[in-house]
């Protein structure tokens, strides 16, 4: 008994946290990285050493593959598991049912029903996309703006695209919006920099002078390619002025999602046995304008703030149907996360 007590006292990990990703890159300076950064922020606040953390990137879209990895980390003693992306939603819920004593946190995973040990971090990407589109519509000089987007069947991506289109047309009814979804499967649509760069180049050749990227590493490549052509860009998820130095000279803002703070807050709740099961709504906003603040006049800055307040009050519909985008059941993507 004494030996057991001594072993427990020497264990620095009162909590173990695993971050499991299906496909993605912890260094993508965007969505996947933000979830991991939330884990790191929580670990720092809880004073947990590195050996209490684990990141697992399966590089597989197969639920059986990453479901097995979730089971492995649970068997190894990890008691909080964070999973990344909409596509892992059902698998995360299934794992939670198998492991009721483990807390699960899923980013971009809307919970249609509540399981006591699962929290889904969700956002109104249509709001963030609308703000990004409004900004693009206000600063464009050619009257053409572009959006390079990930898989259309991923609801957060569709919400970004719909919001961007509606925001740009709201402030500038005559603007031309070029929006292109990646048409491959989940295994490649967020990790295809060649396609992202080429798509941005095509939009610029069609006179786009503002490019928004919402497609993980694919979108990052689009922003970098656009910046190399001296085109203004708008980032996503993070304030990419801070995280993607290749575009610092040409990025006017980013449509941010508070993934880092949301994940960290939920881990803190789980650590004290008070996980908020169900849906946890994070914030969507525009990042500062940084070095390109001169592109946004005082009048337009005021207008963007007024738009934000109207969106917050429900006075504007950021998710009006956009038939041109060809997104099936687009309204359901938006209304499914109404608070």
Protein backbone atom coordinates (compact mmCIF):
# COMPACT_ATOMS: atom_id res chain seq x y z
CA UNK A 1 0.00 0.00 0.00
CA UNK A 2 2.83 2.40 0.85
CA UNK A 3 4.53 1.74 -2.48
CA UNK A 4 1.27 2.46 -4.31
CA UNK A 5 0.82 5.76 -2.48
CA UNK A 6 4.40 6.76 -3.27
CA UNK A 7 3.81 6.00 -6.97
CA UNK A 8 0.71 8.15 -7.00
CA UNK A 9 2.51 11.00 -5.26
CA UNK A 10 5.32 10.89 -7.84
CA UNK A 11 2.95 11.00 -10.80
CA UNK A 12 2.89 14.59 -12.10
CA UNK A 13 -0.18 13.90 -14.25
CA UNK A 14 -3.34 14.31 -12.25
CA UNK A 15 -4.94 14.81 -15.69
CA UNK A 16 -3.87 13.43 -19.04
CA UNK A 17 -5.04 15.10 -22.25
CA UNK A 18 -4.96 13.60 -25.74
CA UNK A 19 -5.62 15.45 -29.00
CA UNK A 20 -6.70 13.15 -31.83
CA UNK A 21 -6.89 14.35 -35.44
CA UNK A 22 -8.20 12.45 -38.45
CA UNK A 23 -6.46 14.34 -41.27
CA UNK A 24 -4.59 17.58 -40.82
CA UNK A 25 -1.37 19.09 -39.62
CA UNK A 26 -0.55 20.40 -36.15
CA UNK A 27 1.57 23.04 -37.88
CA UNK A 28 -1.15 24.22 -40.26
CA UNK A 29 -1.26 27.64 -38.54
CA UNK A 30 -5.02 27.37 -38.60
CA UNK A 31 -7.85 25.07 -37.53
CA UNK A 32 -5.94 21.94 -36.51
CA UNK A 33 -3.21 23.89 -34.77
CA UNK A 34 -5.76 25.94 -32.85
CA UNK A 35 -7.21 22.86 -31.16
CA UNK A 36 -3.75 21.74 -30.09
CA UNK A 37 -2.95 25.24 -28.87
CA UNK A 38 -6.08 25.06 -26.74
CA UNK A 39 -4.71 21.88 -25.18
CA UNK A 40 -1.36 23.55 -24.55
CA UNK A 41 -3.02 26.61 -23.00
CA UNK A 42 -5.06 24.43 -20.67
CA UNK A 43 -2.01 22.36 -19.73
CA UNK A 44 -0.07 25.50 -18.85
CA UNK A 45 -2.91 26.77 -16.66
CA UNK A 46 -3.15 23.38 -14.94
CA UNK A 47 0.65 23.20 -14.63
CA UNK A 48 0.80 19.86 -16.42
CA UNK A 49 4.17 18.75 -17.83
CA UNK A 50 4.58 17.61 -21.43
CA UNK A 51 4.38 13.92 -20.53
CA UNK A 52 0.72 14.44 -19.60
CA UNK A 53 -0.14 15.38 -23.19
CA UNK A 54 -0.40 13.40 -26.41
CA UNK A 55 -1.15 14.44 -29.97
CA UNK A 56 -2.20 11.82 -32.49
CA UNK A 57 -2.58 12.65 -36.20
CA UNK A 58 -3.91 9.52 -37.87
CA UNK A 59 -3.79 10.86 -41.45
CA UNK A 60 -6.82 8.71 -42.16
CA UNK A 61 -10.43 9.60 -42.97
CA UNK A 62 -11.48 6.12 -41.81
CA UNK A 63 -13.46 6.26 -38.54
CA UNK A 64 -12.27 2.77 -37.63
CA UNK A 65 -8.65 3.93 -37.75
CA UNK A 66 -8.96 6.97 -35.54
CA UNK A 67 -11.62 5.29 -33.39
CA UNK A 68 -9.02 2.67 -32.55
CA UNK A 69 -6.48 5.37 -31.70
CA UNK A 70 -8.97 7.00 -29.35
CA UNK A 71 -9.42 3.64 -27.62
CA UNK A 72 -5.64 3.31 -27.35
CA UNK A 73 -5.10 6.65 -25.62
CA UNK A 74 -7.95 5.91 -23.21
CA UNK A 75 -6.38 2.54 -22.39
CA UNK A 76 -3.10 4.37 -21.76
CA UNK A 77 -4.78 6.48 -19.08
CA UNK A 78 -5.74 9.68 -20.90
CA UNK A 79 -8.90 11.00 -19.27
CA UNK A 80 -9.66 14.01 -21.48
CA UNK A 81 -9.75 13.50 -25.26
CA UNK A 82 -10.08 16.38 -27.72
CA UNK A 83 -10.99 15.46 -31.29
CA UNK A 84 -10.62 17.74 -34.28
CA UNK A 85 -13.18 18.49 -37.00
CA UNK A 86 -16.78 17.93 -38.00
CA UNK A 87 -16.01 14.59 -39.61
CA UNK A 88 -15.05 13.07 -36.25
CA UNK A 89 -18.36 13.96 -34.61
CA UNK A 90 -20.15 10.61 -34.77
CA UNK A 91 -16.98 8.70 -33.93
CA UNK A 92 -16.34 10.93 -30.93
CA UNK A 93 -19.84 10.30 -29.63
CA UNK A 94 -19.43 6.56 -30.15
CA UNK A 95 -16.12 6.62 -28.24
CA UNK A 96 -17.78 8.56 -25.43
CA UNK A 97 -20.42 5.85 -25.12
CA UNK A 98 -17.66 3.24 -24.91
CA UNK A 99 -15.75 5.24 -22.30
CA UNK A 100 -18.27 7.02 -20.03
CA UNK A 101 -15.60 7.95 -17.49
CA UNK A 102 -13.57 9.94 -20.04
CA UNK A 103 -14.39 13.55 -21.01
CA UNK A 104 -14.58 14.22 -24.77
CA UNK A 105 -14.38 17.62 -26.47
CA UNK A 106 -14.99 17.86 -30.22
CA UNK A 107 -14.23 20.95 -32.29
CA UNK A 108 -16.79 21.85 -34.97
CA UNK A 109 -18.99 19.01 -33.71
CA UNK A 110 -22.62 19.99 -33.22
CA UNK A 111 -24.43 17.85 -30.63
CA UNK A 112 -27.98 17.05 -31.70
CA UNK A 113 -28.53 15.28 -28.39
CA UNK A 114 -26.62 15.47 -25.12
CA UNK A 115 -24.24 12.78 -23.92
CA UNK A 116 -23.02 13.61 -20.38
CA UNK A 117 -19.32 13.29 -21.18
CA UNK A 118 -19.26 15.06 -24.58
CA UNK A 119 -19.00 18.77 -25.36
CA UNK A 120 -19.06 20.09 -28.94
CA UNK A 121 -17.32 23.37 -29.74
CA UNK A 122 -19.34 25.08 -32.48
CA UNK A 123 -19.36 28.47 -34.17
CA UNK A 124 -21.51 30.65 -36.37
CA UNK A 125 -19.14 30.58 -39.36
CA UNK A 126 -21.83 32.25 -41.45
CA UNK A 127 -21.40 35.29 -39.18
CA UNK A 128 -17.60 35.21 -39.45
CA UNK A 129 -17.81 34.67 -43.20
CA UNK A 130 -20.28 37.55 -43.57
CA UNK A 131 -17.89 39.91 -41.78
CA UNK A 132 -14.99 38.74 -43.96
CA UNK A 133 -17.10 39.19 -47.10
CA UNK A 134 -18.22 42.65 -46.00
CA UNK A 135 -14.61 43.63 -45.44
CA UNK A 136 -13.63 42.28 -48.86
CA UNK A 137 -16.51 44.11 -50.52
CA UNK A 138 -15.50 47.37 -48.89
CA UNK A 139 -11.78 47.27 -49.75
CA UNK A 140 -11.85 45.81 -53.27
CA UNK A 141 -10.85 48.19 -56.04
CA UNK A 142 -11.53 45.90 -58.99
CA UNK A 143 -14.99 44.86 -57.82
CA UNK A 144 -13.95 41.17 -57.80
CA UNK A 145 -13.24 39.13 -54.66
CA UNK A 146 -12.47 35.44 -54.18
CA UNK A 147 -12.92 32.67 -51.60
CA UNK A 148 -10.88 29.45 -51.68
CA UNK A 149 -12.83 26.89 -49.65
CA UNK A 150 -12.45 23.33 -48.40
CA UNK A 151 -14.98 20.49 -48.83
CA UNK A 152 -18.47 21.81 -49.52
CA UNK A 153 -20.06 18.95 -47.51
CA UNK A 154 -18.35 20.13 -44.30
CA UNK A 155 -20.96 22.43 -42.67
CA UNK A 156 -18.53 25.00 -41.20
CA UNK A 157 -16.89 25.43 -44.61
CA UNK A 158 -20.24 25.86 -46.32
CA UNK A 159 -21.25 28.41 -43.70
CA UNK A 160 -18.04 30.36 -44.32
CA UNK A 161 -18.70 30.36 -48.06
CA UNK A 162 -22.35 31.36 -47.79
CA UNK A 163 -21.57 34.09 -45.26
CA UNK A 164 -18.69 35.47 -47.32
CA UNK A 165 -20.85 35.70 -50.44
CA UNK A 166 -23.72 37.38 -48.61
CA UNK A 167 -21.45 39.81 -46.75
CA UNK A 168 -19.66 40.97 -49.88
CA UNK A 169 -22.93 41.47 -51.78
CA UNK A 170 -24.53 43.21 -48.79
CA UNK A 171 -22.02 46.06 -48.76
CA UNK A 172 -21.36 46.05 -52.50
CA UNK A 173 -24.29 44.71 -54.57
CA UNK A 174 -22.30 44.98 -57.79
CA UNK A 175 -19.29 42.99 -56.58
CA UNK A 176 -18.37 39.75 -58.35
CA UNK A 177 -17.75 36.92 -55.88
CA UNK A 178 -15.61 33.99 -57.05
CA UNK A 179 -16.04 31.11 -54.59
CA UNK A 180 -14.59 27.67 -55.23
CA UNK A 181 -14.92 24.56 -53.06
CA UNK A 182 -12.40 21.73 -53.19
CA UNK A 183 -14.19 18.85 -54.87
CA UNK A 184 -12.09 15.97 -53.52
CA UNK A 185 -12.68 14.00 -50.32
CA UNK A 186 -11.84 14.80 -46.72
CA UNK A 187 -8.44 13.12 -47.04
CA UNK A 188 -7.13 15.88 -49.31
CA UNK A 189 -9.37 18.94 -49.40
CA UNK A 190 -7.68 20.63 -46.44
CA UNK A 191 -4.16 19.46 -47.27
CA UNK A 192 -3.78 20.28 -50.96
CA UNK A 193 -1.57 23.38 -51.23
CA UNK A 194 -1.03 22.92 -54.97
CA UNK A 195 -4.74 23.20 -55.65
CA UNK A 196 -5.15 26.08 -53.20
CA UNK A 197 -2.40 28.13 -54.82
CA UNK A 198 -3.61 27.39 -58.35
CA UNK A 199 -7.20 28.32 -57.47
CA UNK A 200 -6.10 31.65 -56.00
CA UNK A 201 -4.01 32.31 -59.11
CA UNK A 202 -7.04 31.68 -61.33
CA UNK A 203 -9.15 34.09 -59.30
CA UNK A 204 -6.48 36.77 -59.52
CA UNK A 205 -6.29 36.25 -63.28
CA UNK A 206 -10.02 37.01 -63.24
CA UNK A 207 -9.24 40.34 -61.52
CA UNK A 208 -9.86 39.35 -57.90
CA UNK A 209 -7.91 41.74 -55.67
CA UNK A 210 -9.05 40.27 -52.31
CA UNK A 211 -8.80 36.53 -51.54
CA UNK A 212 -10.28 34.76 -48.51
CA UNK A 213 -9.00 31.29 -47.63
CA UNK A 214 -11.01 28.85 -45.50
CA UNK A 215 -9.49 25.44 -46.22
CA UNK A 216 -6.74 24.61 -43.71
CA UNK A 217 -3.36 24.10 -45.37
CA UNK A 218 -5.05 24.37 -48.77
CA UNK A 219 -6.34 27.82 -47.87
CA UNK A 220 -2.99 28.90 -46.47
CA UNK A 221 -1.37 28.12 -49.81
CA UNK A 222 -4.03 30.22 -51.52
CA UNK A 223 -3.23 33.18 -49.27
CA UNK A 224 0.52 32.82 -49.84
CA UNK A 225 0.06 32.61 -53.62
CA UNK A 226 -2.19 35.67 -53.59
CA UNK A 227 0.27 37.61 -51.48
CA UNK A 228 3.02 36.83 -53.95
CA UNK A 229 0.84 38.58 -56.54
CA UNK A 230 0.45 41.63 -54.23
CA UNK A 231 -3.21 40.82 -53.63
CA UNK A 232 -4.90 41.57 -50.31
CA UNK A 233 -5.89 38.47 -48.32
CA UNK A 234 -8.20 37.58 -45.43
CA UNK A 235 -7.29 34.66 -43.17
CA UNK A 236 -9.40 32.27 -41.14
CA UNK A 237 -9.72 30.68 -37.68
CA UNK A 238 -6.62 32.34 -36.16
CA UNK A 239 -5.43 35.92 -36.54
CA UNK A 240 -3.18 34.76 -39.37
CA UNK A 241 -1.16 37.95 -39.27
CA UNK A 242 0.33 36.32 -36.17
CA UNK A 243 0.52 32.73 -37.40
CA UNK A 244 1.26 32.88 -41.13
CA UNK A 245 4.24 35.22 -41.54
CA UNK A 246 4.37 34.64 -45.30
CA UNK A 247 1.28 36.85 -45.70
CA UNK A 248 1.96 39.50 -43.07
CA UNK A 249 2.52 42.23 -45.65
CA UNK A 250 -0.79 41.66 -47.43
CA UNK A 251 -3.27 40.37 -44.85
CA UNK A 252 -5.94 42.89 -43.89
CA UNK A 253 -7.71 40.71 -41.29
CA UNK A 254 -8.89 37.19 -40.46
CA UNK A 255 -12.28 35.69 -39.69
CA UNK A 256 -11.42 34.23 -36.32
CA UNK A 257 -12.98 31.45 -34.26
CA UNK A 258 -12.15 31.31 -30.57
CA UNK A 259 -11.15 27.64 -30.73
CA UNK A 260 -8.10 28.02 -28.48
CA UNK A 261 -9.95 29.62 -25.59
CA UNK A 262 -13.02 27.39 -26.01
CA UNK A 263 -10.97 24.18 -25.88
CA UNK A 264 -8.93 25.46 -22.93
CA UNK A 265 -12.05 26.47 -21.01
CA UNK A 266 -13.73 23.11 -21.56
CA UNK A 267 -10.59 21.21 -20.51
CA UNK A 268 -10.52 23.26 -17.30
CA UNK A 269 -14.17 22.35 -16.70
CA UNK A 270 -13.48 18.67 -17.35
CA UNK A 271 -10.47 18.75 -15.03
CA UNK A 272 -12.67 19.84 -12.13
CA UNK A 273 -15.42 17.38 -13.03
CA UNK A 274 -17.80 19.98 -14.45
CA UNK A 275 -17.69 19.50 -18.22
CA UNK A 276 -20.46 21.46 -19.98
CA UNK A 277 -22.02 18.67 -22.01
CA UNK A 278 -23.81 19.54 -25.23
CA UNK A 279 -22.94 22.52 -27.41
CA UNK A 280 -20.46 25.20 -26.40
CA UNK A 281 -20.74 28.21 -28.70
CA UNK A 282 -17.49 30.01 -29.41
CA UNK A 283 -17.16 33.52 -30.76
CA UNK A 284 -16.63 34.66 -34.36
CA UNK A 285 -15.01 38.02 -35.13
CA UNK A 286 -12.67 39.95 -37.38
CA UNK A 287 -9.06 40.19 -36.29
CA UNK A 288 -7.31 43.60 -36.16
CA UNK A 289 -6.34 45.19 -39.47
CA UNK A 290 -2.67 45.45 -38.43
CA UNK A 291 -0.35 46.85 -41.11
CA UNK A 292 -3.15 47.35 -43.65
CA UNK A 293 -5.39 49.44 -41.44
CA UNK A 294 -5.00 52.25 -43.96
CA UNK A 295 -7.13 50.22 -46.41
CA UNK A 296 -10.12 50.47 -44.08
CA UNK A 297 -11.38 54.02 -43.78
CA UNK A 298 -12.85 55.25 -40.51
CA UNK A 299 -16.25 55.24 -42.18
CA UNK A 300 -15.89 51.62 -43.28
CA UNK A 301 -14.55 50.54 -39.90
CA UNK A 302 -17.65 52.05 -38.32
CA UNK A 303 -19.82 50.30 -40.88
CA UNK A 304 -18.21 46.93 -40.14
CA UNK A 305 -18.82 47.41 -36.43
CA UNK A 306 -22.44 48.29 -37.13
CA UNK A 307 -22.77 45.14 -39.23
CA UNK A 308 -21.29 43.09 -36.40
CA UNK A 309 -23.82 44.50 -33.96
CA UNK A 310 -26.69 43.85 -36.37
CA UNK A 311 -25.54 40.25 -36.84
CA UNK A 312 -25.29 39.82 -33.09
CA UNK A 313 -28.82 41.19 -32.66
CA UNK A 314 -30.23 38.95 -35.39
CA UNK A 315 -31.10 41.92 -37.61
CA UNK A 316 -29.12 40.56 -40.58
CA UNK A 317 -29.36 37.09 -42.09
CA UNK A 318 -25.81 35.98 -42.93
CA UNK A 319 -27.01 32.66 -44.25
CA UNK A 320 -29.55 33.56 -46.92
CA UNK A 321 -29.50 30.85 -49.63
CA UNK A 322 -26.90 31.27 -52.36
CA UNK A 323 -27.90 29.02 -55.30
CA UNK A 324 -24.73 29.99 -57.17
CA UNK A 325 -22.61 28.11 -54.62
CA UNK A 326 -24.30 24.81 -55.32
CA UNK A 327 -24.35 23.81 -51.64
CA UNK A 328 -26.97 21.18 -50.97
CA UNK A 329 -29.31 21.89 -48.05
CA UNK A 330 -27.40 25.08 -47.36
CA UNK A 331 -29.92 26.55 -44.94
CA UNK A 332 -29.78 23.46 -42.72
CA UNK A 333 -26.03 23.98 -42.40
CA UNK A 334 -26.70 27.38 -40.89
CA UNK A 335 -29.80 26.88 -38.81
CA UNK A 336 -28.56 23.63 -37.31
CA UNK A 337 -26.37 25.52 -34.85
CA UNK A 338 -28.81 28.27 -33.87
CA UNK A 339 -28.32 28.92 -30.14
